[in-house]
Amino acid sequence: MPLAEIAFRDAGQRIPDWPWVLLLGGEDSYDQALIDHRGVLENFKHHNMR
């Protein structure tokens, strides 16, 4: 898990009206959206390492 994601999730735990849950599809989709984003970051990292 990227450090940015860890910080993002921690902030969501501290802030009671964290807007990102709704913006990323609600409770059912929130975790999956973050997991999917890891794939985007990994792909970006892979292409920039060449």
N, C-alpha and C. Protein backbone atom coordinates (compact mmCIF):
# COMPACT_ATOMS: atom_id res chain seq x y z
N MET A 1 0.85 -1.17 0.00
CA MET A 1 0.00 0.00 0.00
C MET A 1 0.90 1.24 0.00
N PRO A 2 0.71 2.14 -0.96
CA PRO A 2 1.52 3.36 -1.02
C PRO A 2 1.33 4.23 0.23
N LEU A 3 2.39 4.91 0.61
CA LEU A 3 2.31 5.78 1.80
C LEU A 3 1.23 6.85 1.65
N ALA A 4 1.04 7.35 0.44
CA ALA A 4 0.00 8.35 0.22
C ALA A 4 -1.39 7.78 0.52
N GLU A 5 -1.60 6.52 0.17
CA GLU A 5 -2.89 5.88 0.47
C GLU A 5 -3.06 5.69 1.97
N ILE A 6 -2.01 5.32 2.64
CA ILE A 6 -2.08 5.17 4.10
C ILE A 6 -2.45 6.50 4.75
N ALA A 7 -1.81 7.57 4.33
CA ALA A 7 -2.11 8.90 4.88
C ALA A 7 -3.55 9.31 4.54
N PHE A 8 -3.99 9.00 3.32
CA PHE A 8 -5.35 9.32 2.88
C PHE A 8 -6.37 8.58 3.74
N ARG A 9 -6.15 7.29 3.96
CA ARG A 9 -7.07 6.50 4.79
C ARG A 9 -7.06 7.00 6.23
N ASP A 10 -5.88 7.34 6.75
CA ASP A 10 -5.79 7.87 8.12
C ASP A 10 -6.57 9.17 8.25
N ALA A 11 -6.45 10.03 7.27
CA ALA A 11 -7.19 11.30 7.30
C ALA A 11 -8.69 11.03 7.29
N GLY A 12 -9.12 10.05 6.51
CA GLY A 12 -10.53 9.69 6.47
C GLY A 12 -11.05 9.18 7.80
N GLN A 13 -10.19 8.55 8.57
CA GLN A 13 -10.58 8.07 9.90
C GLN A 13 -10.70 9.20 10.90
N ARG A 14 -9.91 10.25 10.71
CA ARG A 14 -9.91 11.38 11.65
C ARG A 14 -10.99 12.41 11.38
N ILE A 15 -11.42 12.52 10.13
CA ILE A 15 -12.35 13.58 9.74
C ILE A 15 -13.75 12.97 9.60
N PRO A 16 -14.68 13.37 10.47
CA PRO A 16 -16.01 12.75 10.47
C PRO A 16 -16.81 12.96 9.18
N ASP A 17 -16.63 14.07 8.52
CA ASP A 17 -17.40 14.33 7.30
C ASP A 17 -16.51 14.21 6.05
N TRP A 18 -15.69 13.17 6.01
CA TRP A 18 -14.76 12.90 4.92
C TRP A 18 -15.54 12.75 3.61
N PRO A 19 -15.37 13.68 2.67
CA PRO A 19 -16.21 13.67 1.47
C PRO A 19 -15.83 12.60 0.44
N TRP A 20 -14.65 12.04 0.56
CA TRP A 20 -14.15 11.13 -0.48
C TRP A 20 -14.92 9.82 -0.55
N VAL A 21 -15.53 9.40 0.54
CA VAL A 21 -16.30 8.15 0.48
C VAL A 21 -17.42 8.28 -0.55
N LEU A 22 -18.17 9.36 -0.47
CA LEU A 22 -19.25 9.58 -1.43
C LEU A 22 -18.72 9.84 -2.83
N LEU A 23 -17.64 10.61 -2.94
CA LEU A 23 -17.08 10.94 -4.24
C LEU A 23 -16.50 9.72 -4.96
N LEU A 24 -16.09 8.72 -4.20
CA LEU A 24 -15.53 7.51 -4.79
C LEU A 24 -16.55 6.37 -4.86
N GLY A 25 -17.83 6.71 -4.78
CA GLY A 25 -18.86 5.71 -5.02
C GLY A 25 -19.60 5.18 -3.82
N GLY A 26 -19.34 5.72 -2.64
CA GLY A 26 -20.03 5.25 -1.44
C GLY A 26 -19.25 4.17 -0.72
N GLU A 27 -19.83 3.73 0.39
CA GLU A 27 -19.16 2.74 1.25
C GLU A 27 -18.79 1.46 0.50
N ASP A 28 -19.67 1.01 -0.40
CA ASP A 28 -19.43 -0.24 -1.11
C ASP A 28 -18.28 -0.15 -2.11
N SER A 29 -18.02 1.02 -2.64
CA SER A 29 -17.02 1.18 -3.71
C SER A 29 -15.73 1.85 -3.25
N TYR A 30 -15.73 2.45 -2.08
CA TYR A 30 -14.59 3.25 -1.59
C TYR A 30 -13.29 2.45 -1.58
N ASP A 31 -13.30 1.31 -0.90
CA ASP A 31 -12.07 0.50 -0.82
C ASP A 31 -11.61 0.03 -2.19
N GLN A 32 -12.56 -0.42 -3.02
CA GLN A 32 -12.18 -0.91 -4.34
C GLN A 32 -11.60 0.21 -5.20
N ALA A 33 -12.13 1.42 -5.06
CA ALA A 33 -11.59 2.55 -5.82
C ALA A 33 -10.13 2.82 -5.43
N LEU A 34 -9.82 2.72 -4.15
CA LEU A 34 -8.44 2.93 -3.70
C LEU A 34 -7.53 1.79 -4.17
N ILE A 35 -8.04 0.57 -4.13
CA ILE A 35 -7.26 -0.57 -4.61
C ILE A 35 -7.01 -0.43 -6.11
N ASP A 36 -8.02 -0.04 -6.86
CA ASP A 36 -7.86 0.16 -8.30
C ASP A 36 -6.83 1.25 -8.59
N HIS A 37 -6.81 2.26 -7.75
CA HIS A 37 -5.86 3.36 -7.94
C HIS A 37 -4.42 2.88 -7.76
N ARG A 38 -4.22 1.91 -6.89
CA ARG A 38 -2.87 1.33 -6.73
C ARG A 38 -2.38 0.79 -8.06
N GLY A 39 -3.26 0.14 -8.81
CA GLY A 39 -2.89 -0.38 -10.12
C GLY A 39 -2.49 0.72 -11.08
N VAL A 40 -3.20 1.83 -11.03
CA VAL A 40 -2.86 2.99 -11.87
C VAL A 40 -1.47 3.49 -11.50
N LEU A 41 -1.21 3.60 -10.20
CA LEU A 41 0.10 4.08 -9.75
C LEU A 41 1.21 3.11 -10.15
N GLU A 42 0.95 1.82 -10.03
CA GLU A 42 1.95 0.83 -10.39
C GLU A 42 2.26 0.90 -11.88
N ASN A 43 1.24 1.06 -12.70
CA ASN A 43 1.42 1.19 -14.14
C ASN A 43 2.22 2.45 -14.46
N PHE A 44 1.91 3.55 -13.81
CA PHE A 44 2.63 4.80 -14.00
C PHE A 44 4.10 4.63 -13.61
N LYS A 45 4.32 4.01 -12.47
CA LYS A 45 5.69 3.78 -11.98
C LYS A 45 6.46 2.91 -12.96
N HIS A 46 5.82 1.86 -13.46
CA HIS A 46 6.48 0.93 -14.40
C HIS A 46 6.91 1.66 -15.67
N HIS A 47 6.04 2.50 -16.21
CA HIS A 47 6.35 3.19 -17.47
C HIS A 47 7.36 4.31 -17.28
N ASN A 48 7.46 4.84 -16.09
CA ASN A 48 8.42 5.92 -15.85
C ASN A 48 9.81 5.39 -15.45
N MET A 49 9.91 4.12 -15.20
CA MET A 49 11.20 3.54 -14.81
C MET A 49 12.04 3.18 -16.05
N ARG A 50 11.46 3.24 -17.21
CA ARG A 50 12.18 2.88 -18.43
C ARG A 50 13.06 4.00 -18.90
